[in-house]
Each structure stands twice: as structure tokens, then as C-alpha cells.
PDB file of N, CA and C in Angstrom:
ATOM      1  N   VAL A   1     119.872 101.426 119.399  1.00  0.00           N
ATOM      2  CA  VAL A   1     120.231 100.414 118.317  1.00  0.00           C
ATOM      3  C   VAL A   1     119.112  99.355 118.565  1.00  0.00           C
ATOM      4  N   TYR A   2     118.686  98.605 117.805  1.00  0.00           N
ATOM      5  CA  TYR A   2     117.614  97.421 117.771  1.00  0.00           C
ATOM      6  C   TYR A   2     118.537  96.616 117.607  1.00  0.00           C
ATOM      7  N   GLN A   3     118.026  95.507 118.584  1.00  0.00           N
ATOM      8  CA  GLN A   3     118.452  93.879 118.781  1.00  0.00           C
ATOM      9  C   GLN A   3     117.517  93.201 118.616  1.00  0.00           C
ATOM     10  N   HIS A   4     117.272  92.174 118.049  1.00  0.00           N
ATOM     11  CA  HIS A   4     116.266  91.020 118.507  1.00  0.00           C
ATOM     12  C   HIS A   4     116.298  90.220 119.677  1.00  0.00           C
ATOM     13  N   VAL A   5     115.276  90.227 120.218  1.00  0.00           N
ATOM     14  CA  VAL A   5     115.610  89.388 121.370  1.00  0.00           C
ATOM     15  C   VAL A   5     115.357  88.138 121.824  1.00  0.00           C
ATOM     16  N   TYR A   6     114.113  88.024 121.358  1.00  0.00           N
ATOM     17  CA  TYR A   6     113.078  86.449 121.598  1.00  0.00           C
ATOM     18  C   TYR A   6     111.982  86.534 120.465  1.00  0.00           C
ATOM     19  N   GLY A   7     111.400  85.752 120.233  1.00  0.00           N
ATOM     20  CA  GLY A   7     110.234  85.396 119.422  1.00  0.00           C
ATOM     21  C   GLY A   7     110.460  85.483 117.990  1.00  0.00           C
ATOM     22  N   ARG A   8     109.515  85.477 116.919  1.00  0.00           N
ATOM     23  CA  ARG A   8     109.626  85.194 115.979  1.00  0.00           C
ATOM     24  C   ARG A   8     110.195  86.588 115.128  1.00  0.00           C
ATOM     25  N   LYS A   9     110.919  86.367 114.314  1.00  0.00           N
ATOM     26  CA  LYS A   9     111.391  87.706 113.251  1.00  0.00           C
ATOM     27  C   LYS A   9     110.339  87.931 112.527  1.00  0.00           C
ATOM     28  N   ARG A  10     110.240  89.376 112.507  1.00  0.00           N
ATOM     29  CA  ARG A  10     109.171  90.027 111.383  1.00  0.00           C
ATOM     30  C   ARG A  10     109.703  91.264 110.514  1.00  0.00           C
ATOM     31  N   GLY A  11     109.326  90.979 109.534  1.00  0.00           N
ATOM     32  CA  GLY A  11     109.739  91.945 108.327  1.00  0.00           C
ATOM     33  C   GLY A  11     109.317  91.714 107.088  1.00  0.00           C
ATOM     34  N   ARG A  12     110.740  91.370 106.623  1.00  0.00           N
ATOM     35  CA  ARG A  12     110.977  90.595 105.075  1.00  0.00           C
ATOM     36  C   ARG A  12     110.517  91.778 104.171  1.00  0.00           C
ATOM     37  N   HIS A  13     110.768  93.092 104.271  1.00  0.00           N
ATOM     38  CA  HIS A  13     110.565  94.283 103.051  1.00  0.00           C
ATOM     39  C   HIS A  13     111.856  94.913 102.960  1.00  0.00           C
ATOM     40  N   ALA A  14     111.527  95.767 101.920  1.00  0.00           N
ATOM     41  CA  ALA A  14     112.846  96.396 101.525  1.00  0.00           C
ATOM     42  C   ALA A  14     113.324  97.704 102.322  1.00  0.00           C
ATOM     43  N   VAL A  15     114.632  97.557 102.374  1.00  0.00           N
ATOM     44  CA  VAL A  15     115.048  98.422 103.122  1.00  0.00           C
ATOM     45  C   VAL A  15     116.411  99.188 102.645  1.00  0.00           C
ATOM     46  N   LYS A  16     116.986 100.123 102.818  1.00  0.00           N
ATOM     47  CA  LYS A  16     118.193 100.801 102.440  1.00  0.00           C
ATOM     48  C   LYS A  16     119.025 100.937 103.389  1.00  0.00           C
ATOM     49  N   ILE A  17     120.386 100.112 103.440  1.00  0.00           N
ATOM     50  CA  ILE A  17     121.730 100.802 104.309  1.00  0.00           C
ATOM     51  C   ILE A  17     122.111 102.042 103.808  1.00  0.00           C
ATOM     52  N   ILE A  18     122.103 103.127 104.640  1.00  0.00           N
ATOM     53  CA  ILE A  18     122.688 104.067 104.112  1.00  0.00           C
ATOM     54  C   ILE A  18     123.961 104.440 104.926  1.00  0.00           C
ATOM     55  N   GLY A  19     124.142 103.696 105.991  1.00  0.00           N
ATOM     56  CA  GLY A  19     125.689 104.224 106.774  1.00  0.00           C
ATOM     57  C   GLY A  19     125.492 103.068 107.764  1.00  0.00           C
ATOM     58  N   TRP A  20     126.671 103.653 108.496  1.00  0.00           N
ATOM     59  CA  TRP A  20     127.026 102.798 109.615  1.00  0.00           C
ATOM     60  C   TRP A  20     127.876 103.698 110.749  1.00  0.00           C
ATOM     61  N   GLY A  21     127.819 103.349 111.867  1.00  0.00           N
ATOM     62  CA  GLY A  21     128.330 103.748 113.222  1.00  0.00           C
ATOM     63  C   GLY A  21     128.758 103.070 114.096  1.00  0.00           C
ATOM     64  N   VAL A  22     128.936 103.727 115.535  1.00  0.00           N
ATOM     65  CA  VAL A  22     129.092 102.806 116.522  1.00  0.00           C
ATOM     66  C   VAL A  22     128.364 103.847 117.746  1.00  0.00           C
ATOM     67  N   GLU A  23     127.801 103.139 118.941  1.00  0.00           N
ATOM     68  CA  GLU A  23     126.967 103.748 119.389  1.00  0.00           C
ATOM     69  C   GLU A  23     127.923 104.341 120.855  1.00  0.00           C
ATOM     70  N   LYS A  24     127.834 105.628 121.201  1.00  0.00           N
ATOM     71  CA  LYS A  24     129.138 105.744 121.910  1.00  0.00           C
ATOM     72  C   LYS A  24     129.022 105.099 123.234  1.00  0.00           C
ATOM     73  N   SER A  25     127.764 105.354 124.097  1.00  0.00           N
ATOM     74  CA  SER A  25     127.478 104.693 125.221  1.00  0.00           C
ATOM     75  C   SER A  25     127.718 103.483 125.519  1.00  0.00           C
ATOM     76  N   SER A  26     127.415 102.538 124.424  1.00  0.00           N
ATOM     77  CA  SER A  26     127.119 100.970 124.568  1.00  0.00           C
ATOM     78  C   SER A  26     128.553 100.226 123.700  1.00  0.00           C
ATOM     79  N   ASN A  27     129.113 101.272 122.677  1.00  0.00           N
ATOM     80  CA  ASN A  27     130.385 100.845 122.033  1.00  0.00           C
ATOM     81  C   ASN A  27     129.997  99.851 120.795  1.00  0.00           C
ATOM     82  N   LEU A  28     128.340  99.572 120.683  1.00  0.00           N
ATOM     83  CA  LEU A  28     127.816  98.953 119.924  1.00  0.00           C
ATOM     84  C   LEU A  28     128.033  98.998 118.470  1.00  0.00           C
ATOM     85  N   PRO A  29     128.334  98.587 117.547  1.00  0.00           N
ATOM     86  CA  PRO A  29     128.484  98.922 116.038  1.00  0.00           C
ATOM     87  C   PRO A  29     127.034  98.723 115.420  1.00  0.00           C
ATOM     88  N   TYR A  30     126.676  99.749 114.265  1.00  0.00           N
ATOM     89  CA  TYR A  30     125.189  99.331 113.929  1.00  0.00           C
ATOM     90  C   TYR A  30     125.360 100.049 112.622  1.00  0.00           C
ATOM     91  N   TRP A  31     124.088  99.720 112.051  1.00  0.00           N
ATOM     92  CA  TRP A  31     123.613  99.962 110.526  1.00  0.00           C
ATOM     93  C   TRP A  31     122.888 101.224 110.670  1.00  0.00           C
ATOM     94  N   ILE A  32     122.758 102.209 109.727  1.00  0.00           N
ATOM     95  CA  ILE A  32     121.771 103.055 109.658  1.00  0.00           C
ATOM     96  C   ILE A  32     121.095 102.892 108.664  1.00  0.00           C
ATOM     97  N   ILE A  33     119.441 102.494 108.665  1.00  0.00           N
ATOM     98  CA  ILE A  33     118.924 101.954 107.867  1.00  0.00           C
ATOM     99  C   ILE A  33     117.475 102.976 107.462  1.00  0.00           C
ATOM    100  N   ALA A  34     117.387 103.094 106.170  1.00  0.00           N
ATOM    101  CA  ALA A  34     116.081 103.620 105.522  1.00  0.00           C
ATOM    102  C   ALA A  34     114.961 102.639 105.468  1.00  0.00           C
ATOM    103  N   ASN A  35     113.644 102.863 106.284  1.00  0.00           N
ATOM    104  CA  ASN A  35     112.890 102.036 105.935  1.00  0.00           C
ATOM    105  C   ASN A  35     111.927 102.258 104.709  1.00  0.00           C
ATOM    106  N   SER A  36     111.242 101.045 104.106  1.00  0.00           N
ATOM    107  CA  SER A  36     110.482 101.762 103.023  1.00  0.00           C
ATOM    108  C   SER A  36     109.252 102.099 103.572  1.00  0.00           C
ATOM    109  N   TRP A  37     108.687 102.391 104.558  1.00  0.00           N
ATOM    110  CA  TRP A  37     107.474 102.758 105.300  1.00  0.00           C
ATOM    111  C   TRP A  37     107.149 104.029 104.542  1.00  0.00           C
ATOM    112  N   ASN A  38     107.577 105.041 105.613  1.00  0.00           N
ATOM    113  CA  ASN A  38     107.579 106.188 105.507  1.00  0.00           C
ATOM    114  C   ASN A  38     108.322 107.143 106.654  1.00  0.00           C
ATOM    115  N   TYR A  39     107.897 108.502 106.695  1.00  0.00           N
ATOM    116  CA  TYR A  39     108.884 109.120 107.833  1.00  0.00           C
ATOM    117  C   TYR A  39     108.331 109.058 109.201  1.00  0.00           C
ATOM    118  N   THR A  40     106.986 108.732 109.155  1.00  0.00           N
ATOM    119  CA  THR A  40     106.215 108.858 110.309  1.00  0.00           C
ATOM    120  C   THR A  40     106.998 107.442 111.407  1.00  0.00           C
ATOM    121  N   TRP A  41     107.358 106.365 110.746  1.00  0.00           N
ATOM    122  CA  TRP A  41     108.138 105.471 111.173  1.00  0.00           C
ATOM    123  C   TRP A  41     109.383 105.723 112.159  1.00  0.00           C
ATOM    124  N   GLY A  42     109.712 104.993 113.193  1.00  0.00           N
ATOM    125  CA  GLY A  42     111.000 105.030 113.680  1.00  0.00           C
ATOM    126  C   GLY A  42     111.464 106.428 114.143  1.00  0.00           C
ATOM    127  N   GLU A  43     112.726 106.771 113.474  1.00  0.00           N
ATOM    128  CA  GLU A  43     113.260 108.214 113.540  1.00  0.00           C
ATOM    129  C   GLU A  43     113.389 108.703 112.557  1.00  0.00           C
ATOM    130  N   ASN A  44     112.293 109.538 112.294  1.00  0.00           N
ATOM    131  CA  ASN A  44     111.898 110.030 110.709  1.00  0.00           C
ATOM    132  C   ASN A  44     111.915 109.283 109.641  1.00  0.00           C
ATOM    133  N   GLY A  45     111.711 108.022 110.016  1.00  0.00           N
ATOM    134  CA  GLY A  45     111.657 106.927 108.850  1.00  0.00           C
ATOM    135  C   GLY A  45     113.248 106.150 108.746  1.00  0.00           C
ATOM    136  N   PHE A  46     114.203 106.221 109.661  1.00  0.00           N
ATOM    137  CA  PHE A  46     115.018 105.487 109.824  1.00  0.00           C
ATOM    138  C   PHE A  46     115.290 104.632 111.149  1.00  0.00           C
ATOM    139  N   PHE A  47     116.077 103.905 111.165  1.00  0.00           N
ATOM    140  CA  PHE A  47     116.482 103.205 112.382  1.00  0.00           C
ATOM    141  C   PHE A  47     118.029 102.582 112.278  1.00  0.00           C
ATOM    142  N   LYS A  48     118.432 102.113 113.651  1.00  0.00           N
ATOM    143  CA  LYS A  48     119.690 101.840 113.674  1.00  0.00           C
ATOM    144  C   LYS A  48     119.263 100.040 114.203  1.00  0.00           C
ATOM    145  N   ILE A  49     120.344  99.370 113.528  1.00  0.00           N
ATOM    146  CA  ILE A  49     120.411  98.103 113.747  1.00  0.00           C
ATOM    147  C   ILE A  49     121.828  97.423 114.081  1.00  0.00           C
ATOM    148  N   ILE A  50     121.873  96.291 115.142  1.00  0.00           N
ATOM    149  CA  ILE A  50     123.134  95.915 115.321  1.00  0.00           C
ATOM    150  C   ILE A  50     123.908  95.603 114.179  1.00  0.00           C
ATOM    151  N   ARG A  51     125.028  95.860 114.102  1.00  0.00           N
ATOM    152  CA  ARG A  51     126.144  95.409 113.148  1.00  0.00           C
ATOM    153  C   ARG A  51     126.896  94.186 113.222  1.00  0.00           C
ATOM    154  N   GLY A  52     127.157  93.470 112.759  1.00  0.00           N
ATOM    155  CA  GLY A  52     128.302  91.941 112.810  1.00  0.00           C
ATOM    156  C   GLY A  52     127.774  90.923 114.001  1.00  0.00           C
ATOM    157  N   SER A  53     126.438  91.057 114.282  1.00  0.00           N
ATOM    158  CA  SER A  53     125.887  90.054 114.826  1.00  0.00           C
ATOM    159  C   SER A  53     125.269  89.246 114.691  1.00  0.00           C
ATOM    160  N   GLU A  54     125.706  87.701 114.830  1.00  0.00           N
ATOM    161  CA  GLU A  54     125.079  86.635 114.242  1.00  0.00           C
ATOM    162  C   GLU A  54     123.495  86.521 114.122  1.00  0.00           C
ATOM    163  N   VAL A  55     122.989  87.234 115.237  1.00  0.00           N
ATOM    164  CA  VAL A  55     121.570  87.270 115.315  1.00  0.00           C
ATOM    165  C   VAL A  55     121.004  88.073 114.511  1.00  0.00           C
ATOM    166  N   GLU A  56     121.227  89.051 114.090  1.00  0.00           N
ATOM    167  CA  GLU A  56     121.042  90.280 113.030  1.00  0.00           C
ATOM    168  C   GLU A  56     121.575  90.137 111.751  1.00  0.00           C
ATOM    169  N   ASN A  57     122.267  89.047 111.312  1.00  0.00           N
ATOM    170  CA  ASN A  57     123.128  88.859 110.221  1.00  0.00           C
ATOM    171  C   ASN A  57     122.439  89.032 108.926  1.00  0.00           C
ATOM    172  N   GLU A  58     120.948  88.881 109.146  1.00  0.00           N
ATOM    173  CA  GLU A  58     120.140  88.882 107.837  1.00  0.00           C
ATOM    174  C   GLU A  58     120.621  90.364 107.014  1.00  0.00           C
ATOM    175  N   PHE A  59     120.910  91.417 107.628  1.00  0.00           N
ATOM    176  CA  PHE A  59     120.997  92.516 106.901  1.00  0.00           C
ATOM    177  C   PHE A  59     122.437  92.345 106.316  1.00  0.00           C
ATOM    178  N   GLU A  60     123.430  91.501 106.716  1.00  0.00           N
ATOM    179  CA  GLU A  60     124.634  91.207 105.730  1.00  0.00           C
ATOM    180  C   GLU A  60     124.716  90.406 105.112  1.00  0.00           C
ATOM    181  N   TYR A  61     124.009  89.417 104.877  1.00  0.00           N
ATOM    182  CA  TYR A  61     124.413  88.514 103.816  1.00  0.00           C
ATOM    183  C   TYR A  61     123.022  88.453 102.710  1.00  0.00           C
ATOM    184  N   GLY A  62     122.059  89.388 103.318  1.00  0.00           N
ATOM    185  CA  GLY A  62     121.094  89.198 102.048  1.00  0.00           C
ATOM    186  C   GLY A  62     121.074  90.883 101.284  1.00  0.00           C
ATOM    187  N   VAL A  63     122.412  91.311 101.513  1.00  0.00           N
ATOM    188  CA  VAL A  63     122.483  92.545 100.534  1.00  0.00           C
ATOM    189  C   VAL A  63     122.701  92.336  99.141  1.00  0.00           C
ATOM    190  N   HIS A  64     121.687  93.142  98.510  1.00  0.00           N
ATOM    191  CA  HIS A  64     121.553  93.212  97.055  1.00  0.00           C
ATOM    192  C   HIS A  64     122.080  94.359  96.534  1.00  0.00           C
ATOM    193  N   ALA A  65     123.257  94.852  95.582  1.00  0.00           N
ATOM    194  CA  ALA A  65     123.406  96.166  94.962  1.00  0.00           C
ATOM    195  C   ALA A  65     123.080  96.319  93.517  1.00  0.00           C
ATOM    196  N   GLY A  66     122.872  98.041  93.427  1.00  0.00           N
ATOM    197  CA  GLY A  66     122.821  98.100  92.070  1.00  0.00           C
ATOM    198  C   GLY A  66     122.801  99.333  91.386  1.00  0.00           C
ATOM    199  N   LEU A  67     123.224  99.676  90.350  1.00  0.00           N
ATOM    200  CA  LEU A  67     123.263 100.797  89.675  1.00  0.00           C
ATOM    201  C   LEU A  67     122.404 101.682  89.228  1.00  0.00           C
ATOM    202  N   PRO A  68     122.136 102.801  89.132  1.00  0.00           N
ATOM    203  CA  PRO A  68     120.942 103.500  88.774  1.00  0.00           C
ATOM    204  C   PRO A  68     121.214 103.516  87.122  1.00  0.00           C
ATOM    205  N   ALA A  69     120.174 103.444  86.138  1.00  0.00           N
ATOM    206  CA  ALA A  69     120.310 103.481  85.069  1.00  0.00           C
ATOM    207  C   ALA A  69     120.205 104.914  84.642  1.00  0.00           C
ATOM    208  N   LEU A  70     121.288 105.396  83.592  1.00  0.00           N
ATOM    209  CA  LEU A  70     121.365 106.687  83.523  1.00  0.00           C
ATOM    210  C   LEU A  70     120.835 107.002  81.745  1.00  0.00           C
TER     211      LEU A  70
END
């Protein structure tokens, strides 16, 4: 589960939150994220980032939702 430690944060691109969970070994809550790059990045294009942390809260306050046009 990714946690920012120090230095400037990098990123600022589109990702999709597709789920959540809790890491069994550390009891850390996390978001499951689909990256917008491709499947060769991270864990087949996905990554986990800590959920409910003030450090990583950009995933929680910058969420935009929408519905597909049918």
C-alpha cells in the first residue's frame, strides 16, 4: 500500500478508484486505483494507496463522479 513519505508529490493525472480494502498484515485501509497509463505499470495497471490519511487525502477530496451517456 503506497504512502507518501517525503519530497514533492508527483502525478496529477486521471485515475479511477475502483474499490477499497484493508491490508491484512498491517490493518491499513486502502483504495484500489486503476492508473491511466497501461497494464505494464504497477500491479497490471493498478495500485493501492492508503485511505483516510491526511497525507494522501487528495484521492478523497478531489473525487469527481459521473454517469455514462446512454
